[in-house]
Amino acid sequence: MNRRLTATLVVVALLVLSGCAGLGSTTSEDGLAAEPSEEYLWESEHEGTIDISGGEYRAVYEMENRSTVLLYQSTRYGDDRPIPVESIQFRYENGTVVDYESGEIGVEESRTAVTVDLPAEDGQLAYTGSTRSRNFDTRTVVPGSYEVILPPGYRADNFILGTVRPGGYEYTVEDDRVHLTWDDVGASTIVLRYYQERDVTLFTGLVIVASAGALIAFARVRKQIKELQRKREDAGLDIDIEDDRDDPPPGMR
């Protein structure tokens, strides 16, 4: 390896570590310019609207007096990481929608966040991100009211199988999709765990089978204990000496 190549690799490494390498592995030019898989819910009445389906979520946020937005997630170790962002768009107050290819939306990725430069201080910002199956969590990008729409056929109202944080939400079902709404989130993150309706039946069946197995095992152990006691009695090993305590041993009467 010659010196020029070595120097180039060192410079690139330093740029990446310092967060100045521009768009990296989480955010790409093609991904930012791609069309969303479904139309964004621009007409929502909430400050934050998140539509989850197909292994991704489509978020729409109301922007008010803001020129930039930081998109990141905090890890369990306390540090921040940029979130993958695709299909980014902005809607002006007059209803005009522009995408990344228009050149009006600036996006820069660093080691800790994706910074979005907005084309106007007021309007709506929308983007698409990926999510895990049956789990979703996000930092609240803007304060105020929120609506999260779960994938079709999924529920979150079973306290064992589902989780919704923070509390204080309204739970409704429309067209086989759960709508969770908060008048004011009042928290830094939204955390969800949801399940399919058939999971309740499967879980109930597992509980019944496990309970029946435990009862059968208990009955079998109890039967073995009684059988052992009977054998000890037949062998004369169980001798009740309580009645003989008042009588002195032979030769001492």
C-alpha atoms as a PDB file:
ATOM      1  CA  MET A   1       0.000   0.000   0.000  1.00  0.00           C
ATOM      2  CA  ASN A   2       1.607   3.286  -1.090  1.00  0.00           C
ATOM      3  CA  ARG A   3       1.705   6.440   0.965  1.00  0.00           C
ATOM      4  CA  ARG A   4      -0.847   8.313  -1.136  1.00  0.00           C
ATOM      5  CA  LEU A   5      -3.482   5.600  -0.692  1.00  0.00           C
ATOM      6  CA  THR A   6      -2.743   5.381   3.020  1.00  0.00           C
ATOM      7  CA  ALA A   7      -3.144   9.132   3.420  1.00  0.00           C
ATOM      8  CA  THR A   8      -6.438   9.065   1.538  1.00  0.00           C
ATOM      9  CA  LEU A   9      -7.842   6.333   3.762  1.00  0.00           C
ATOM     10  CA  VAL A  10      -6.800   8.218   6.890  1.00  0.00           C
ATOM     11  CA  VAL A  11      -8.530  11.395   5.700  1.00  0.00           C
ATOM     12  CA  VAL A  12     -11.726   9.519   4.872  1.00  0.00           C
ATOM     13  CA  ALA A  13     -11.694   7.807   8.268  1.00  0.00           C
ATOM     14  CA  LEU A  14     -11.250  11.114  10.050  1.00  0.00           C
ATOM     15  CA  LEU A  15     -14.104  12.659   8.116  1.00  0.00           C
ATOM     16  CA  VAL A  16     -16.435   9.808   8.995  1.00  0.00           C
ATOM     17  CA  LEU A  17     -15.481   9.855  12.664  1.00  0.00           C
ATOM     18  CA  SER A  18     -15.961  13.594  12.887  1.00  0.00           C
ATOM     19  CA  GLY A  19     -19.412  13.377  11.324  1.00  0.00           C
ATOM     20  CA  CYS A  20     -18.503  15.446   8.285  1.00  0.00           C
ATOM     21  CA  ALA A  21     -18.715  12.881   5.567  1.00  0.00           C
ATOM     22  CA  GLY A  22     -22.153  14.000   4.434  1.00  0.00           C
ATOM     23  CA  LEU A  23     -24.761  11.395   3.485  1.00  0.00           C
ATOM     24  CA  GLY A  24     -23.632   8.014   4.804  1.00  0.00           C
ATOM     25  CA  SER A  25     -24.963   4.504   5.049  1.00  0.00           C
ATOM     26  CA  THR A  26     -28.250   5.407   6.761  1.00  0.00           C
ATOM     27  CA  THR A  27     -29.236   8.096   4.250  1.00  0.00           C
ATOM     28  CA  SER A  28     -28.700   8.017   0.509  1.00  0.00           C
ATOM     29  CA  GLU A  29     -29.456  10.437  -2.317  1.00  0.00           C
ATOM     30  CA  ASP A  30     -31.621   7.854  -4.088  1.00  0.00           C
ATOM     31  CA  GLY A  31     -33.538   7.025  -0.922  1.00  0.00           C
ATOM     32  CA  LEU A  32     -34.255  10.678  -0.147  1.00  0.00           C
ATOM     33  CA  ALA A  33     -35.556  11.295  -3.661  1.00  0.00           C
ATOM     34  CA  ALA A  34     -37.678   8.122  -3.849  1.00  0.00           C
ATOM     35  CA  GLU A  35     -41.454   8.355  -3.936  1.00  0.00           C
ATOM     36  CA  PRO A  36     -43.185   7.165  -0.736  1.00  0.00           C
ATOM     37  CA  SER A  37     -44.863   3.762  -0.942  1.00  0.00           C
ATOM     38  CA  GLU A  38     -48.141   5.409   0.109  1.00  0.00           C
ATOM     39  CA  GLU A  39     -49.308   9.000   0.055  1.00  0.00           C
ATOM     40  CA  TYR A  40     -48.470  11.018   3.150  1.00  0.00           C
ATOM     41  CA  LEU A  41     -51.357  11.990   5.444  1.00  0.00           C
ATOM     42  CA  TRP A  42     -50.999  15.732   4.914  1.00  0.00           C
ATOM     43  CA  GLU A  43     -54.555  16.499   6.051  1.00  0.00           C
ATOM     44  CA  SER A  44     -54.083  15.241   9.606  1.00  0.00           C
ATOM     45  CA  GLU A  45     -55.254  17.531  12.388  1.00  0.00           C
ATOM     46  CA  HIS A  46     -52.369  16.548  14.683  1.00  0.00           C
ATOM     47  CA  GLU A  47     -48.899  18.027  15.063  1.00  0.00           C
ATOM     48  CA  GLY A  48     -47.408  14.569  14.561  1.00  0.00           C
ATOM     49  CA  THR A  49     -48.931  11.762  12.453  1.00  0.00           C
ATOM     50  CA  ILE A  50     -47.286   8.367  12.010  1.00  0.00           C
ATOM     51  CA  ASP A  51     -48.705   5.731   9.661  1.00  0.00           C
ATOM     52  CA  ILE A  52     -47.182   2.254  10.154  1.00  0.00           C
ATOM     53  CA  SER A  53     -47.502  -0.559   7.596  1.00  0.00           C
ATOM     54  CA  GLY A  54     -45.400  -2.841   5.451  1.00  0.00           C
ATOM     55  CA  GLY A  55     -42.346  -2.735   7.725  1.00  0.00           C
ATOM     56  CA  GLU A  56     -42.048   1.052   7.505  1.00  0.00           C
ATOM     57  CA  TYR A  57     -43.613   4.194   8.897  1.00  0.00           C
ATOM     58  CA  ARG A  58     -44.554   7.446   7.194  1.00  0.00           C
ATOM     59  CA  ALA A  59     -44.304  10.468   9.474  1.00  0.00           C
ATOM     60  CA  VAL A  60     -45.796  13.920   8.946  1.00  0.00           C
ATOM     61  CA  TYR A  61     -44.904  16.759  11.322  1.00  0.00           C
ATOM     62  CA  GLU A  62     -46.231  20.298  11.580  1.00  0.00           C
ATOM     63  CA  MET A  63     -43.408  22.828  11.438  1.00  0.00           C
ATOM     64  CA  GLU A  64     -43.865  26.204  13.097  1.00  0.00           C
ATOM     65  CA  ASN A  65     -41.133  28.826  13.236  1.00  0.00           C
ATOM     66  CA  ARG A  66     -38.426  26.240  12.548  1.00  0.00           C
ATOM     67  CA  SER A  67     -35.689  26.343   9.966  1.00  0.00           C
ATOM     68  CA  THR A  68     -33.987  23.016  10.802  1.00  0.00           C
ATOM     69  CA  VAL A  69     -34.967  19.660  12.250  1.00  0.00           C
ATOM     70  CA  LEU A  70     -32.733  17.028  13.849  1.00  0.00           C
ATOM     71  CA  LEU A  71     -33.741  13.419  13.255  1.00  0.00           C
ATOM     72  CA  TYR A  72     -32.069  10.919  15.568  1.00  0.00           C
ATOM     73  CA  GLN A  73     -32.695   8.102  18.023  1.00  0.00           C
ATOM     74  CA  SER A  74     -31.133   7.504  21.417  1.00  0.00           C
ATOM     75  CA  THR A  75     -29.620   4.099  22.074  1.00  0.00           C
ATOM     76  CA  ARG A  76     -29.739   2.125  25.316  1.00  0.00           C
ATOM     77  CA  TYR A  77     -26.177   3.269  25.987  1.00  0.00           C
ATOM     78  CA  GLY A  78     -27.205   6.922  26.058  1.00  0.00           C
ATOM     79  CA  ASP A  79     -25.673   8.064  22.773  1.00  0.00           C
ATOM     80  CA  ASP A  80     -27.532   9.366  19.709  1.00  0.00           C
ATOM     81  CA  ARG A  81     -27.599   7.882  16.219  1.00  0.00           C
ATOM     82  CA  PRO A  82     -29.085   9.212  12.959  1.00  0.00           C
ATOM     83  CA  ILE A  83     -32.255   7.503  11.808  1.00  0.00           C
ATOM     84  CA  PRO A  84     -32.636   6.205   8.238  1.00  0.00           C
ATOM     85  CA  VAL A  85     -34.640   8.756   6.227  1.00  0.00           C
ATOM     86  CA  GLU A  86     -36.210   8.217   2.810  1.00  0.00           C
ATOM     87  CA  SER A  87     -38.773   9.873   0.541  1.00  0.00           C
ATOM     88  CA  ILE A  88     -38.445  13.242   2.245  1.00  0.00           C
ATOM     89  CA  GLN A  89     -40.971  15.933   1.275  1.00  0.00           C
ATOM     90  CA  PHE A  90     -42.126  19.346   2.439  1.00  0.00           C
ATOM     91  CA  ARG A  91     -45.553  20.893   2.084  1.00  0.00           C
ATOM     92  CA  TYR A  92     -45.882  24.662   2.094  1.00  0.00           C
ATOM     93  CA  GLU A  93     -48.818  26.343   3.796  1.00  0.00           C
ATOM     94  CA  ASN A  94     -50.429  26.970   0.402  1.00  0.00           C
ATOM     95  CA  GLY A  95     -50.486  23.198  -0.255  1.00  0.00           C
ATOM     96  CA  THR A  96     -47.520  22.997  -2.630  1.00  0.00           C
ATOM     97  CA  VAL A  97     -45.431  19.852  -2.054  1.00  0.00           C
ATOM     98  CA  VAL A  98     -41.717  19.679  -2.928  1.00  0.00           C
ATOM     99  CA  ASP A  99     -39.395  16.688  -2.719  1.00  0.00           C
ATOM    100  CA  TYR A 100     -35.648  16.245  -2.320  1.00  0.00           C
ATOM    101  CA  GLU A 101     -34.968  16.502  -6.037  1.00  0.00           C
ATOM    102  CA  SER A 102     -36.362  20.039  -6.062  1.00  0.00           C
ATOM    103  CA  GLY A 103     -33.235  21.178  -4.246  1.00  0.00           C
ATOM    104  CA  GLU A 104     -35.315  23.101  -1.696  1.00  0.00           C
ATOM    105  CA  ILE A 105     -34.785  20.614   1.134  1.00  0.00           C
ATOM    106  CA  GLY A 106     -31.292  20.288   2.553  1.00  0.00           C
ATOM    107  CA  VAL A 107     -30.221  17.049   4.244  1.00  0.00           C
ATOM    108  CA  GLU A 108     -26.907  16.378   5.974  1.00  0.00           C
ATOM    109  CA  GLU A 109     -26.008  13.343   8.017  1.00  0.00           C
ATOM    110  CA  SER A 110     -23.523  13.342  10.878  1.00  0.00           C
ATOM    111  CA  ARG A 111     -22.461  10.697  13.338  1.00  0.00           C
ATOM    112  CA  THR A 112     -25.304  11.609  15.732  1.00  0.00           C
ATOM    113  CA  ALA A 113     -28.213  12.920  13.626  1.00  0.00           C
ATOM    114  CA  VAL A 114     -29.710  13.749  10.270  1.00  0.00           C
ATOM    115  CA  THR A 115     -30.114  17.518   9.924  1.00  0.00           C
ATOM    116  CA  VAL A 116     -32.918  18.723   7.656  1.00  0.00           C
ATOM    117  CA  ASP A 117     -32.866  22.320   6.436  1.00  0.00           C
ATOM    118  CA  LEU A 118     -36.443  23.341   5.727  1.00  0.00           C
ATOM    119  CA  PRO A 119     -37.410  25.511   2.741  1.00  0.00           C
ATOM    120  CA  ALA A 120     -39.797  27.513   4.965  1.00  0.00           C
ATOM    121  CA  GLU A 121     -40.252  27.995   8.699  1.00  0.00           C
ATOM    122  CA  ASP A 122     -43.933  27.014   8.554  1.00  0.00           C
ATOM    123  CA  GLY A 123     -45.374  23.993   6.790  1.00  0.00           C
ATOM    124  CA  GLN A 124     -45.221  20.194   7.057  1.00  0.00           C
ATOM    125  CA  LEU A 125     -42.243  17.855   6.905  1.00  0.00           C
ATOM    126  CA  ALA A 126     -42.757  14.233   5.856  1.00  0.00           C
ATOM    127  CA  TYR A 127     -40.408  11.288   5.513  1.00  0.00           C
ATOM    128  CA  THR A 128     -40.357   7.483   5.543  1.00  0.00           C
ATOM    129  CA  GLY A 129     -38.419   5.275   7.949  1.00  0.00           C
ATOM    130  CA  SER A 130     -38.087   1.573   8.647  1.00  0.00           C
ATOM    131  CA  THR A 131     -39.488  -0.184  11.707  1.00  0.00           C
ATOM    132  CA  ARG A 132     -39.273  -3.598  13.319  1.00  0.00           C
ATOM    133  CA  SER A 133     -42.122  -6.072  13.145  1.00  0.00           C
ATOM    134  CA  ARG A 134     -44.591  -5.625  16.021  1.00  0.00           C
ATOM    135  CA  ASN A 135     -42.443  -2.941  17.660  1.00  0.00           C
ATOM    136  CA  PHE A 136     -42.131   0.777  17.123  1.00  0.00           C
ATOM    137  CA  ASP A 137     -40.476   3.598  19.003  1.00  0.00           C
ATOM    138  CA  THR A 138     -39.696   7.160  18.035  1.00  0.00           C
ATOM    139  CA  ARG A 139     -38.574  10.403  19.525  1.00  0.00           C
ATOM    140  CA  THR A 140     -41.253  13.077  19.448  1.00  0.00           C
ATOM    141  CA  VAL A 141     -39.914  15.463  16.813  1.00  0.00           C
ATOM    142  CA  VAL A 142     -42.396  18.242  17.609  1.00  0.00           C
ATOM    143  CA  PRO A 143     -44.510  18.949  20.706  1.00  0.00           C
ATOM    144  CA  GLY A 144     -48.282  18.721  20.725  1.00  0.00           C
ATOM    145  CA  SER A 145     -50.899  16.182  19.703  1.00  0.00           C
ATOM    146  CA  TYR A 146     -49.995  12.907  17.995  1.00  0.00           C
ATOM    147  CA  GLU A 147     -51.714  10.134  16.087  1.00  0.00           C
ATOM    148  CA  VAL A 148     -50.162   6.722  15.410  1.00  0.00           C
ATOM    149  CA  ILE A 149     -51.925   4.284  13.081  1.00  0.00           C
ATOM    150  CA  LEU A 150     -51.029   0.597  13.432  1.00  0.00           C
ATOM    151  CA  PRO A 151     -50.857  -1.874  10.514  1.00  0.00           C
ATOM    152  CA  PRO A 152     -54.121  -3.552   9.462  1.00  0.00           C
ATOM    153  CA  GLY A 153     -55.145  -6.438  11.709  1.00  0.00           C
ATOM    154  CA  TYR A 154     -52.895  -5.467  14.608  1.00  0.00           C
ATOM    155  CA  ARG A 155     -53.983  -4.498  18.116  1.00  0.00           C
ATOM    156  CA  ALA A 156     -52.339  -3.117  21.270  1.00  0.00           C
ATOM    157  CA  ASP A 157     -55.017  -3.227  23.985  1.00  0.00           C
ATOM    158  CA  ASN A 158     -54.016  -6.530  25.609  1.00  0.00           C
ATOM    159  CA  PHE A 159     -51.905  -5.601  28.639  1.00  0.00           C
ATOM    160  CA  ILE A 160     -49.790  -8.768  28.303  1.00  0.00           C
ATOM    161  CA  LEU A 161     -49.124  -8.737  24.564  1.00  0.00           C
ATOM    162  CA  GLY A 162     -49.317  -4.997  23.895  1.00  0.00           C
ATOM    163  CA  THR A 163     -47.551  -1.896  25.152  1.00  0.00           C
ATOM    164  CA  VAL A 164     -48.400   1.761  24.606  1.00  0.00           C
ATOM    165  CA  ARG A 165     -46.349   4.524  26.165  1.00  0.00           C
ATOM    166  CA  PRO A 166     -46.956   7.215  27.218  1.00  0.00           C
ATOM    167  CA  GLY A 167     -50.411   6.774  28.700  1.00  0.00           C
ATOM    168  CA  GLY A 168     -53.329   9.140  28.398  1.00  0.00           C
ATOM    169  CA  TYR A 169     -54.160   8.096  24.832  1.00  0.00           C
ATOM    170  CA  GLU A 170     -57.422   7.394  23.023  1.00  0.00           C
ATOM    171  CA  TYR A 171     -57.802   3.965  21.399  1.00  0.00           C
ATOM    172  CA  THR A 172     -60.109   3.559  18.385  1.00  0.00           C
ATOM    173  CA  VAL A 173     -60.397   1.057  15.511  1.00  0.00           C
ATOM    174  CA  GLU A 174     -61.254   2.214  11.987  1.00  0.00           C
ATOM    175  CA  ASP A 175     -61.233  -0.067   8.941  1.00  0.00           C
ATOM    176  CA  ASP A 176     -59.377  -2.768  10.908  1.00  0.00           C
ATOM    177  CA  ARG A 177     -56.627  -0.306  11.907  1.00  0.00           C
ATOM    178  CA  VAL A 178     -55.964   0.944  15.428  1.00  0.00           C
ATOM    179  CA  HIS A 179     -55.651   4.703  15.843  1.00  0.00           C
ATOM    180  CA  LEU A 180     -53.800   5.880  18.954  1.00  0.00           C
ATOM    181  CA  THR A 181     -54.158   9.590  19.675  1.00  0.00           C
ATOM    182  CA  TRP A 182     -52.733  11.883  22.323  1.00  0.00           C
ATOM    183  CA  ASP A 183     -53.956  15.418  22.904  1.00  0.00           C
ATOM    184  CA  ASP A 184     -50.477  16.221  24.176  1.00  0.00           C
ATOM    185  CA  VAL A 185     -47.801  13.532  24.278  1.00  0.00           C
ATOM    186  CA  GLY A 186     -45.884  15.213  27.081  1.00  0.00           C
ATOM    187  CA  ALA A 187     -42.971  12.784  26.683  1.00  0.00           C
ATOM    188  CA  SER A 188     -39.789  12.528  24.666  1.00  0.00           C
ATOM    189  CA  THR A 189     -40.559   9.142  23.099  1.00  0.00           C
ATOM    190  CA  ILE A 190     -43.454   7.001  21.943  1.00  0.00           C
ATOM    191  CA  VAL A 191     -43.024   3.253  22.500  1.00  0.00           C
ATOM    192  CA  LEU A 192     -45.376   0.632  21.043  1.00  0.00           C
ATOM    193  CA  ARG A 193     -45.594  -3.153  21.026  1.00  0.00           C
ATOM    194  CA  TYR A 194     -48.509  -4.596  19.097  1.00  0.00           C
ATOM    195  CA  TYR A 195     -49.787  -7.983  17.987  1.00  0.00           C
ATOM    196  CA  GLN A 196     -52.164  -9.711  15.592  1.00  0.00           C
ATOM    197  CA  GLU A 197     -55.580 -10.729  16.883  1.00  0.00           C
ATOM    198  CA  ARG A 198     -54.783 -14.401  16.317  1.00  0.00           C
ATOM    199  CA  ASP A 199     -51.895 -14.056  18.773  1.00  0.00           C
ATOM    200  CA  VAL A 200     -54.425 -13.745  21.619  1.00  0.00           C
ATOM    201  CA  THR A 201     -55.932 -17.123  20.695  1.00  0.00           C
ATOM    202  CA  LEU A 202     -52.494 -18.710  20.419  1.00  0.00           C
ATOM    203  CA  PHE A 203     -51.388 -17.222  23.740  1.00  0.00           C
ATOM    204  CA  THR A 204     -54.587 -18.367  25.469  1.00  0.00           C
ATOM    205  CA  GLY A 205     -54.101 -21.863  24.065  1.00  0.00           C
ATOM    206  CA  LEU A 206     -50.521 -21.975  25.323  1.00  0.00           C
ATOM    207  CA  VAL A 207     -51.645 -20.882  28.793  1.00  0.00           C
ATOM    208  CA  ILE A 208     -54.332 -23.581  28.874  1.00  0.00           C
ATOM    209  CA  VAL A 209     -51.907 -26.277  27.713  1.00  0.00           C
ATOM    210  CA  ALA A 210     -49.256 -25.159  30.218  1.00  0.00           C
ATOM    211  CA  SER A 211     -51.815 -25.066  33.053  1.00  0.00           C
ATOM    212  CA  ALA A 212     -53.125 -28.514  32.153  1.00  0.00           C
ATOM    213  CA  GLY A 213     -49.581 -29.872  32.052  1.00  0.00           C
ATOM    214  CA  ALA A 214     -48.840 -28.384  35.458  1.00  0.00           C
ATOM    215  CA  LEU A 215     -51.988 -29.936  36.948  1.00  0.00           C
ATOM    216  CA  ILE A 216     -51.173 -33.340  35.478  1.00  0.00           C
ATOM    217  CA  ALA A 217     -47.607 -33.144  36.808  1.00  0.00           C
ATOM    218  CA  PHE A 218     -48.887 -32.099  40.259  1.00  0.00           C
ATOM    219  CA  ALA A 219     -51.377 -34.982  40.339  1.00  0.00           C
ATOM    220  CA  ARG A 220     -48.681 -37.462  39.291  1.00  0.00           C
ATOM    221  CA  VAL A 221     -46.251 -36.263  41.972  1.00  0.00           C
ATOM    222  CA  ARG A 222     -48.986 -36.390  44.612  1.00  0.00           C
ATOM    223  CA  LYS A 223     -49.855 -39.940  43.584  1.00  0.00           C
ATOM    224  CA  GLN A 224     -46.187 -40.977  43.822  1.00  0.00           C
ATOM    225  CA  ILE A 225     -45.919 -39.445  47.302  1.00  0.00           C
ATOM    226  CA  LYS A 226     -48.985 -41.332  48.511  1.00  0.00           C
ATOM    227  CA  GLU A 227     -47.651 -44.571  47.002  1.00  0.00           C
ATOM    228  CA  LEU A 228     -44.343 -44.057  48.780  1.00  0.00           C
ATOM    229  CA  GLN A 229     -46.123 -43.452  52.094  1.00  0.00           C
ATOM    230  CA  ARG A 230     -48.150 -46.631  51.647  1.00  0.00           C
ATOM    231  CA  LYS A 231     -45.011 -48.686  50.971  1.00  0.00           C
ATOM    232  CA  ARG A 232     -43.330 -47.274  54.083  1.00  0.00           C
ATOM    233  CA  GLU A 233     -46.355 -48.195  56.167  1.00  0.00           C
ATOM    234  CA  ASP A 234     -46.399 -51.736  54.723  1.00  0.00           C
ATOM    235  CA  ALA A 235     -42.719 -52.096  55.575  1.00  0.00           C
ATOM    236  CA  GLY A 236     -43.300 -50.854  59.131  1.00  0.00           C
ATOM    237  CA  LEU A 237     -41.057 -47.851  58.677  1.00  0.00           C
ATOM    238  CA  ASP A 238     -43.671 -45.335  59.770  1.00  0.00           C
ATOM    239  CA  ILE A 239     -43.942 -45.922  63.552  1.00  0.00           C
ATOM    240  CA  ASP A 240     -45.901 -43.482  65.630  1.00  0.00           C
ATOM    241  CA  ILE A 241     -43.986 -43.071  68.869  1.00  0.00           C
ATOM    242  CA  GLU A 242     -46.119 -40.251  70.263  1.00  0.00           C
ATOM    243  CA  ASP A 243     -48.236 -42.620  72.359  1.00  0.00           C
ATOM    244  CA  ASP A 244     -45.187 -44.261  73.983  1.00  0.00           C
ATOM    245  CA  ARG A 245     -43.529 -41.112  75.287  1.00  0.00           C
ATOM    246  CA  ASP A 246     -45.214 -41.316  78.741  1.00  0.00           C
ATOM    247  CA  ASP A 247     -44.008 -44.872  79.387  1.00  0.00           C
ATOM    248  CA  PRO A 248     -40.409 -45.367  80.699  1.00  0.00           C
ATOM    249  CA  PRO A 249     -38.138 -47.769  78.874  1.00  0.00           C
ATOM    250  CA  PRO A 250     -38.080 -51.472  79.990  1.00  0.00           C
ATOM    251  CA  GLY A 251     -36.171 -52.000  83.226  1.00  0.00           C
ATOM    252  CA  MET A 252     -36.904 -48.462  84.463  1.00  0.00           C
ATOM    253  CA  ARG A 253     -40.580 -48.868  85.349  1.00  0.00           C
END
